[in-house]
Amino acid sequence: MSKTAIVTGGTRGIGAAISIALKNAGYTVAAIYAGNDAAAKKFTADTGIKTYKWSVADYDACAAGVAQVEADLGPVSVLVNNAGITRDAMFHKMTPQQWKEVIDTNLSGVFNMTHPVWTGMRDRKFGRVINISSINGQKGQAGQANYSAAKAGDLGFTKALAQEGARAGITVNAICPGYIGTEMVRAIDEKVLKERIIPQIPVGRLGEPEEIARCVVFLAADEAGFITGSTISANGGQFFV
């Protein structure tokens, strides 16, 4: 079976950790990024993982990109939909553009990437689709009506598509990270982190990107074939479903 994996948003933060973990597990990884050429170049230099540039918000770009990855690396057996953006604002101040940008990337982007690999997975009777949602898609978050709606939509997509893929040997699962110690989160004021964020987390710390990556490697494995339509909540006990 092909061991080619695509990771969107795969050159930074959680996505970079996922790309590296899959490579270490024996996969040939294509890390997709949208804009930061310098970070992508450094990532490839550091890891040897091939990078590709396109926006997951653009269906035609996704279809062409997947075709290029498969031509270069072989049929895609694992897709990790990790790419995401935020455009935070309280709802009364949120603009239609802020809403659209987040929905286009965080929700439509999951469709745009999954659709081009789905037929091949069905034909080969094997596939793993892993969607990186969020704790805020489960519980909501003030100032993130757009983000929470998109990430909740990812969970509905996961459950519906899991039912379609089951008899074709395709599993579709989701992971909902809580607060993870990425560069973005660690840039938050230390006082805010210590006094407002970490006290909400029962284990008393931020998660690490590698902890999310290990969840992905588990779900991607052949041995996880009986797990589909599921959500792993990796949030240190902050929220229970």
C-alpha atoms as a PDB file:
ATOM      1  CA  MET A   1       0.000   0.000   0.000  1.00  0.00           C
ATOM      2  CA  SER A   2       1.178   3.511  -0.806  1.00  0.00           C
ATOM      3  CA  LYS A   3       2.786   5.325   2.094  1.00  0.00           C
ATOM      4  CA  THR A   4       2.370   8.836   0.708  1.00  0.00           C
ATOM      5  CA  ALA A   5       0.849  11.434   3.044  1.00  0.00           C
ATOM      6  CA  ILE A   6      -0.234  15.026   2.493  1.00  0.00           C
ATOM      7  CA  VAL A   7      -0.249  17.436   5.419  1.00  0.00           C
ATOM      8  CA  THR A   8      -1.808  20.850   4.806  1.00  0.00           C
ATOM      9  CA  GLY A   9      -0.346  23.712   6.775  1.00  0.00           C
ATOM     10  CA  GLY A  10       2.488  21.250   7.103  1.00  0.00           C
ATOM     11  CA  THR A  11       5.580  23.418   7.507  1.00  0.00           C
ATOM     12  CA  ARG A  12       4.915  25.252  10.779  1.00  0.00           C
ATOM     13  CA  GLY A  13       3.515  24.602  14.250  1.00  0.00           C
ATOM     14  CA  ILE A  14       1.334  21.536  14.693  1.00  0.00           C
ATOM     15  CA  GLY A  15       1.514  20.797  10.973  1.00  0.00           C
ATOM     16  CA  ALA A  16       5.312  20.667  11.001  1.00  0.00           C
ATOM     17  CA  ALA A  17       5.265  18.257  13.935  1.00  0.00           C
ATOM     18  CA  ILE A  18       2.766  16.068  12.074  1.00  0.00           C
ATOM     19  CA  SER A  19       4.845  16.070   8.889  1.00  0.00           C
ATOM     20  CA  ILE A  20       7.978  15.072  10.797  1.00  0.00           C
ATOM     21  CA  ALA A  21       6.191  12.370  12.814  1.00  0.00           C
ATOM     22  CA  LEU A  22       4.721  10.808   9.677  1.00  0.00           C
ATOM     23  CA  LYS A  23       8.115  10.859   7.968  1.00  0.00           C
ATOM     24  CA  ASN A  24       9.642   9.152  11.008  1.00  0.00           C
ATOM     25  CA  ALA A  25       6.864   6.542  10.829  1.00  0.00           C
ATOM     26  CA  GLY A  26       7.915   5.674   7.285  1.00  0.00           C
ATOM     27  CA  TYR A  27       5.639   7.828   5.151  1.00  0.00           C
ATOM     28  CA  THR A  28       6.714   9.923   2.182  1.00  0.00           C
ATOM     29  CA  VAL A  29       5.296  13.310   3.145  1.00  0.00           C
ATOM     30  CA  ALA A  30       4.209  16.306   1.095  1.00  0.00           C
ATOM     31  CA  ALA A  31       3.881  19.377   3.322  1.00  0.00           C
ATOM     32  CA  ILE A  32       1.545  21.996   1.867  1.00  0.00           C
ATOM     33  CA  TYR A  33       1.830  25.677   2.707  1.00  0.00           C
ATOM     34  CA  ALA A  34       0.100  28.829   1.512  1.00  0.00           C
ATOM     35  CA  GLY A  35       2.441  31.767   1.839  1.00  0.00           C
ATOM     36  CA  ASN A  36       5.601  31.670   3.954  1.00  0.00           C
ATOM     37  CA  ASP A  37       8.266  30.720   1.423  1.00  0.00           C
ATOM     38  CA  ALA A  38      11.146  31.288   3.832  1.00  0.00           C
ATOM     39  CA  ALA A  39       9.670  28.986   6.465  1.00  0.00           C
ATOM     40  CA  ALA A  40       8.958  26.306   3.848  1.00  0.00           C
ATOM     41  CA  LYS A  41      12.496  26.476   2.458  1.00  0.00           C
ATOM     42  CA  LYS A  42      13.983  26.150   5.942  1.00  0.00           C
ATOM     43  CA  PHE A  43      11.610  23.298   6.775  1.00  0.00           C
ATOM     44  CA  THR A  44      12.729  21.314   3.736  1.00  0.00           C
ATOM     45  CA  ALA A  45      16.379  22.044   4.450  1.00  0.00           C
ATOM     46  CA  ASP A  46      15.995  20.887   8.056  1.00  0.00           C
ATOM     47  CA  THR A  47      13.831  17.806   7.435  1.00  0.00           C
ATOM     48  CA  GLY A  48      14.190  16.716   3.818  1.00  0.00           C
ATOM     49  CA  ILE A  49      10.395  16.826   3.476  1.00  0.00           C
ATOM     50  CA  LYS A  50       9.204  18.113   0.097  1.00  0.00           C
ATOM     51  CA  THR A  51       6.943  21.169   0.219  1.00  0.00           C
ATOM     52  CA  TYR A  52       4.266  22.366  -2.185  1.00  0.00           C
ATOM     53  CA  LYS A  53       2.604  25.779  -2.265  1.00  0.00           C
ATOM     54  CA  TRP A  54      -1.100  26.374  -2.821  1.00  0.00           C
ATOM     55  CA  SER A  55      -4.147  27.716  -0.997  1.00  0.00           C
ATOM     56  CA  VAL A  56      -6.569  25.107   0.310  1.00  0.00           C
ATOM     57  CA  ALA A  57      -9.317  27.703  -0.204  1.00  0.00           C
ATOM     58  CA  ASP A  58      -8.922  27.244  -3.988  1.00  0.00           C
ATOM     59  CA  TYR A  59     -10.453  23.981  -5.243  1.00  0.00           C
ATOM     60  CA  ASP A  60      -8.732  24.032  -8.621  1.00  0.00           C
ATOM     61  CA  ALA A  61      -5.366  24.627  -6.962  1.00  0.00           C
ATOM     62  CA  CYS A  62      -5.994  21.704  -4.614  1.00  0.00           C
ATOM     63  CA  ALA A  63      -6.932  19.368  -7.480  1.00  0.00           C
ATOM     64  CA  ALA A  64      -3.863  20.366  -9.487  1.00  0.00           C
ATOM     65  CA  GLY A  65      -1.645  20.182  -6.416  1.00  0.00           C
ATOM     66  CA  VAL A  66      -2.813  16.703  -5.433  1.00  0.00           C
ATOM     67  CA  ALA A  67      -2.220  15.524  -9.005  1.00  0.00           C
ATOM     68  CA  GLN A  68       1.333  16.897  -8.854  1.00  0.00           C
ATOM     69  CA  VAL A  69       2.033  15.262  -5.487  1.00  0.00           C
ATOM     70  CA  GLU A  70       0.792  11.918  -6.775  1.00  0.00           C
ATOM     71  CA  ALA A  71       2.900  12.253  -9.924  1.00  0.00           C
ATOM     72  CA  ASP A  72       5.969  13.032  -7.806  1.00  0.00           C
ATOM     73  CA  LEU A  73       5.487  10.781  -4.790  1.00  0.00           C
ATOM     74  CA  GLY A  74       2.789   8.214  -5.573  1.00  0.00           C
ATOM     75  CA  PRO A  75      -0.884   7.743  -4.688  1.00  0.00           C
ATOM     76  CA  VAL A  76      -1.974   9.530  -1.517  1.00  0.00           C
ATOM     77  CA  SER A  77      -3.095   7.150   1.199  1.00  0.00           C
ATOM     78  CA  VAL A  78      -3.119   9.616   4.114  1.00  0.00           C
ATOM     79  CA  LEU A  79      -4.507  13.149   4.117  1.00  0.00           C
ATOM     80  CA  VAL A  80      -4.161  15.391   7.150  1.00  0.00           C
ATOM     81  CA  ASN A  81      -6.330  18.511   6.873  1.00  0.00           C
ATOM     82  CA  ASN A  82      -4.466  20.800   9.246  1.00  0.00           C
ATOM     83  CA  ALA A  83      -4.376  24.172   7.443  1.00  0.00           C
ATOM     84  CA  GLY A  84      -6.277  26.890   9.255  1.00  0.00           C
ATOM     85  CA  ILE A  85      -6.438  30.618   9.841  1.00  0.00           C
ATOM     86  CA  THR A  86      -8.040  32.957  12.362  1.00  0.00           C
ATOM     87  CA  ARG A  87      -9.705  36.304  11.799  1.00  0.00           C
ATOM     88  CA  ASP A  88     -10.940  36.955  15.324  1.00  0.00           C
ATOM     89  CA  ALA A  89     -13.487  39.641  16.173  1.00  0.00           C
ATOM     90  CA  MET A  90     -16.520  39.969  18.372  1.00  0.00           C
ATOM     91  CA  PHE A  91     -19.526  39.159  16.229  1.00  0.00           C
ATOM     92  CA  HIS A  92     -20.970  42.674  16.148  1.00  0.00           C
ATOM     93  CA  LYS A  93     -17.666  43.854  14.675  1.00  0.00           C
ATOM     94  CA  MET A  94     -16.993  40.857  12.413  1.00  0.00           C
ATOM     95  CA  THR A  95     -16.988  41.669   8.717  1.00  0.00           C
ATOM     96  CA  PRO A  96     -18.328  39.426   5.946  1.00  0.00           C
ATOM     97  CA  GLN A  97     -14.738  39.162   4.693  1.00  0.00           C
ATOM     98  CA  GLN A  98     -13.491  37.896   8.051  1.00  0.00           C
ATOM     99  CA  TRP A  99     -16.263  35.309   8.061  1.00  0.00           C
ATOM    100  CA  LYS A 100     -15.630  34.233   4.466  1.00  0.00           C
ATOM    101  CA  GLU A 101     -11.866  33.909   4.747  1.00  0.00           C
ATOM    102  CA  VAL A 102     -12.091  31.584   7.740  1.00  0.00           C
ATOM    103  CA  ILE A 103     -14.899  29.459   6.312  1.00  0.00           C
ATOM    104  CA  ASP A 104     -13.148  29.214   2.933  1.00  0.00           C
ATOM    105  CA  THR A 105      -9.912  27.946   4.486  1.00  0.00           C
ATOM    106  CA  ASN A 106     -10.959  26.053   7.613  1.00  0.00           C
ATOM    107  CA  LEU A 107     -14.116  24.374   6.322  1.00  0.00           C
ATOM    108  CA  SER A 108     -14.264  24.549   2.529  1.00  0.00           C
ATOM    109  CA  GLY A 109     -10.540  23.812   2.492  1.00  0.00           C
ATOM    110  CA  VAL A 110     -11.254  20.405   4.024  1.00  0.00           C
ATOM    111  CA  PHE A 111     -13.658  19.630   1.172  1.00  0.00           C
ATOM    112  CA  ASN A 112     -11.263  21.049  -1.408  1.00  0.00           C
ATOM    113  CA  MET A 113      -8.430  18.771  -0.274  1.00  0.00           C
ATOM    114  CA  THR A 114     -10.415  15.630   0.467  1.00  0.00           C
ATOM    115  CA  HIS A 115     -12.440  15.550  -2.744  1.00  0.00           C
ATOM    116  CA  PRO A 116      -9.421  15.118  -5.097  1.00  0.00           C
ATOM    117  CA  VAL A 117      -8.001  12.167  -3.094  1.00  0.00           C
ATOM    118  CA  TRP A 118     -11.302  10.422  -2.361  1.00  0.00           C
ATOM    119  CA  THR A 119     -11.824   8.562  -5.643  1.00  0.00           C
ATOM    120  CA  GLY A 120      -8.317   7.139  -5.570  1.00  0.00           C
ATOM    121  CA  MET A 121      -8.742   5.986  -1.990  1.00  0.00           C
ATOM    122  CA  ARG A 122     -12.034   4.313  -2.920  1.00  0.00           C
ATOM    123  CA  ASP A 123     -10.484   2.602  -5.918  1.00  0.00           C
ATOM    124  CA  ARG A 124      -7.565   1.295  -3.836  1.00  0.00           C
ATOM    125  CA  LYS A 125      -9.869   0.308  -0.945  1.00  0.00           C
ATOM    126  CA  PHE A 126      -7.708   2.138   1.573  1.00  0.00           C
ATOM    127  CA  GLY A 127      -7.405   5.655   2.922  1.00  0.00           C
ATOM    128  CA  ARG A 128      -6.935   7.736   6.028  1.00  0.00           C
ATOM    129  CA  VAL A 129      -8.421  11.229   6.299  1.00  0.00           C
ATOM    130  CA  ILE A 130      -7.565  13.042   9.529  1.00  0.00           C
ATOM    131  CA  ASN A 131      -9.103  16.454  10.160  1.00  0.00           C
ATOM    132  CA  ILE A 132      -7.541  18.791  12.703  1.00  0.00           C
ATOM    133  CA  SER A 133     -10.465  20.591  14.294  1.00  0.00           C
ATOM    134  CA  SER A 134     -10.257  22.454  17.617  1.00  0.00           C
ATOM    135  CA  ILE A 135     -11.545  22.558  21.172  1.00  0.00           C
ATOM    136  CA  ASN A 136     -13.338  25.731  20.072  1.00  0.00           C
ATOM    137  CA  GLY A 137     -15.246  23.737  17.467  1.00  0.00           C
ATOM    138  CA  GLN A 138     -16.582  21.680  20.370  1.00  0.00           C
ATOM    139  CA  LYS A 139     -17.347  24.345  22.957  1.00  0.00           C
ATOM    140  CA  GLY A 140     -17.336  27.627  21.015  1.00  0.00           C
ATOM    141  CA  GLN A 141     -15.309  30.707  21.862  1.00  0.00           C
ATOM    142  CA  ALA A 142     -16.248  34.358  22.140  1.00  0.00           C
ATOM    143  CA  GLY A 143     -14.666  36.380  19.363  1.00  0.00           C
ATOM    144  CA  GLN A 144     -14.409  33.309  17.148  1.00  0.00           C
ATOM    145  CA  ALA A 145     -17.877  32.746  15.703  1.00  0.00           C
ATOM    146  CA  ASN A 146     -16.286  32.180  12.288  1.00  0.00           C
ATOM    147  CA  TYR A 147     -13.532  29.858  13.534  1.00  0.00           C
ATOM    148  CA  SER A 148     -15.785  27.892  15.884  1.00  0.00           C
ATOM    149  CA  ALA A 149     -18.410  27.436  13.166  1.00  0.00           C
ATOM    150  CA  ALA A 150     -15.811  26.178  10.687  1.00  0.00           C
ATOM    151  CA  LYS A 151     -14.185  23.796  13.146  1.00  0.00           C
ATOM    152  CA  ALA A 152     -17.583  22.454  14.257  1.00  0.00           C
ATOM    153  CA  GLY A 153     -18.393  21.961  10.583  1.00  0.00           C
ATOM    154  CA  ASP A 154     -15.219  19.897  10.233  1.00  0.00           C
ATOM    155  CA  LEU A 155     -16.596  17.501  12.849  1.00  0.00           C
ATOM    156  CA  GLY A 156     -19.899  17.100  11.005  1.00  0.00           C
ATOM    157  CA  PHE A 157     -17.986  16.496   7.781  1.00  0.00           C
ATOM    158  CA  THR A 158     -15.882  13.858   9.542  1.00  0.00           C
ATOM    159  CA  LYS A 159     -18.888  11.920  10.829  1.00  0.00           C
ATOM    160  CA  ALA A 160     -20.754  12.001   7.530  1.00  0.00           C
ATOM    161  CA  LEU A 161     -17.796  11.053   5.357  1.00  0.00           C
ATOM    162  CA  ALA A 162     -16.770   8.268   7.735  1.00  0.00           C
ATOM    163  CA  GLN A 163     -20.059   6.537   6.950  1.00  0.00           C
ATOM    164  CA  GLU A 164     -19.414   6.805   3.219  1.00  0.00           C
ATOM    165  CA  GLY A 165     -15.840   5.589   3.400  1.00  0.00           C
ATOM    166  CA  ALA A 166     -16.247   2.690   5.818  1.00  0.00           C
ATOM    167  CA  ARG A 167     -17.004  -0.069   3.324  1.00  0.00           C
ATOM    168  CA  ALA A 168     -14.259   1.191   1.014  1.00  0.00           C
ATOM    169  CA  GLY A 169     -11.575   0.800   3.677  1.00  0.00           C
ATOM    170  CA  ILE A 170     -11.309   4.539   4.292  1.00  0.00           C
ATOM    171  CA  THR A 171     -11.386   5.920   7.814  1.00  0.00           C
ATOM    172  CA  VAL A 172     -12.187   9.555   8.547  1.00  0.00           C
ATOM    173  CA  ASN A 173     -11.408  10.912  11.991  1.00  0.00           C
ATOM    174  CA  ALA A 174     -10.843  14.221  13.738  1.00  0.00           C
ATOM    175  CA  ILE A 175      -8.529  15.567  16.399  1.00  0.00           C
ATOM    176  CA  CYS A 176      -9.498  18.554  18.541  1.00  0.00           C
ATOM    177  CA  PRO A 177      -6.409  20.134  20.089  1.00  0.00           C
ATOM    178  CA  GLY A 178      -6.698  22.461  23.042  1.00  0.00           C
ATOM    179  CA  TYR A 179      -4.063  25.087  23.773  1.00  0.00           C
ATOM    180  CA  ILE A 180      -0.848  23.843  22.161  1.00  0.00           C
ATOM    181  CA  GLY A 181       2.558  25.430  22.677  1.00  0.00           C
ATOM    182  CA  THR A 182       3.093  26.625  19.139  1.00  0.00           C
ATOM    183  CA  GLU A 183       5.007  29.770  18.268  1.00  0.00           C
ATOM    184  CA  MET A 184       1.689  31.631  18.006  1.00  0.00           C
ATOM    185  CA  VAL A 185       0.430  30.571  21.442  1.00  0.00           C
ATOM    186  CA  ARG A 186       3.766  31.121  23.160  1.00  0.00           C
ATOM    187  CA  ALA A 187       3.762  34.665  21.778  1.00  0.00           C
ATOM    188  CA  ILE A 188       0.792  35.452  24.038  1.00  0.00           C
ATOM    189  CA  ASP A 189       1.735  37.671  26.976  1.00  0.00           C
ATOM    190  CA  GLU A 190       3.265  35.450  29.672  1.00  0.00           C
ATOM    191  CA  LYS A 191       0.999  36.914  32.351  1.00  0.00           C
ATOM    192  CA  VAL A 192      -2.086  36.072  30.280  1.00  0.00           C
ATOM    193  CA  LEU A 193      -0.818  32.547  29.721  1.00  0.00           C
ATOM    194  CA  LYS A 194      -0.064  31.954  33.392  1.00  0.00           C
ATOM    195  CA  GLU A 195      -3.082  33.676  34.919  1.00  0.00           C
ATOM    196  CA  ARG A 196      -5.888  33.130  32.414  1.00  0.00           C
ATOM    197  CA  ILE A 197      -5.133  30.257  30.038  1.00  0.00           C
ATOM    198  CA  ILE A 198      -3.120  27.590  31.849  1.00  0.00           C
ATOM    199  CA  PRO A 199      -5.384  27.638  34.954  1.00  0.00           C
ATOM    200  CA  GLN A 200      -8.214  26.435  32.678  1.00  0.00           C
ATOM    201  CA  ILE A 201      -6.195  23.319  31.764  1.00  0.00           C
ATOM    202  CA  PRO A 202      -6.399  20.599  34.446  1.00  0.00           C
ATOM    203  CA  VAL A 203      -3.007  19.062  33.572  1.00  0.00           C
ATOM    204  CA  GLY A 204      -1.497  22.488  34.267  1.00  0.00           C
ATOM    205  CA  ARG A 205       0.421  23.091  31.054  1.00  0.00           C
ATOM    206  CA  LEU A 206       0.155  23.709  27.338  1.00  0.00           C
ATOM    207  CA  GLY A 207       0.144  20.740  25.021  1.00  0.00           C
ATOM    208  CA  GLU A 208       3.046  20.100  22.699  1.00  0.00           C
ATOM    209  CA  PRO A 209       2.729  19.868  18.897  1.00  0.00           C
ATOM    210  CA  GLU A 210       4.333  16.424  19.043  1.00  0.00           C
ATOM    211  CA  GLU A 211       1.462  15.182  21.211  1.00  0.00           C
ATOM    212  CA  ILE A 212      -1.000  16.000  18.444  1.00  0.00           C
ATOM    213  CA  ALA A 213       1.340  14.450  15.888  1.00  0.00           C
ATOM    214  CA  ARG A 214       1.350  11.156  17.797  1.00  0.00           C
ATOM    215  CA  CYS A 215      -2.446  11.078  17.599  1.00  0.00           C
ATOM    216  CA  VAL A 216      -2.195  11.493  13.823  1.00  0.00           C
ATOM    217  CA  VAL A 217       0.340   8.694  13.431  1.00  0.00           C
ATOM    218  CA  PHE A 218      -1.930   6.390  15.442  1.00  0.00           C
ATOM    219  CA  LEU A 219      -5.003   7.171  13.339  1.00  0.00           C
ATOM    220  CA  ALA A 220      -3.029   6.834  10.098  1.00  0.00           C
ATOM    221  CA  ALA A 221      -1.802   3.335  10.893  1.00  0.00           C
ATOM    222  CA  ASP A 222      -3.220   0.207   9.304  1.00  0.00           C
ATOM    223  CA  GLU A 223      -4.013  -1.032  12.819  1.00  0.00           C
ATOM    224  CA  ALA A 224      -6.475   1.850  13.367  1.00  0.00           C
ATOM    225  CA  GLY A 225      -8.853   0.546  10.717  1.00  0.00           C
ATOM    226  CA  PHE A 226     -11.710  -0.045  13.176  1.00  0.00           C
ATOM    227  CA  ILE A 227     -11.696   3.590  14.317  1.00  0.00           C
ATOM    228  CA  THR A 228     -13.699   5.939  12.107  1.00  0.00           C
ATOM    229  CA  GLY A 229     -16.019   8.885  12.620  1.00  0.00           C
ATOM    230  CA  SER A 230     -14.284   9.521  15.936  1.00  0.00           C
ATOM    231  CA  THR A 231     -12.907  12.624  17.599  1.00  0.00           C
ATOM    232  CA  ILE A 232      -9.832  12.618  19.809  1.00  0.00           C
ATOM    233  CA  SER A 233      -9.974  15.506  22.268  1.00  0.00           C
ATOM    234  CA  ALA A 234      -6.359  16.368  23.074  1.00  0.00           C
ATOM    235  CA  ASN A 235      -6.836  19.287  25.450  1.00  0.00           C
ATOM    236  CA  GLY A 236      -5.362  18.356  28.829  1.00  0.00           C
ATOM    237  CA  GLY A 237      -8.791  17.856  30.333  1.00  0.00           C
ATOM    238  CA  GLN A 238      -9.987  21.381  29.572  1.00  0.00           C
ATOM    239  CA  PHE A 239     -13.215  20.239  27.903  1.00  0.00           C
ATOM    240  CA  PHE A 240     -15.076  16.933  27.882  1.00  0.00           C
ATOM    241  CA  VAL A 241     -17.647  15.965  25.259  1.00  0.00           C
END
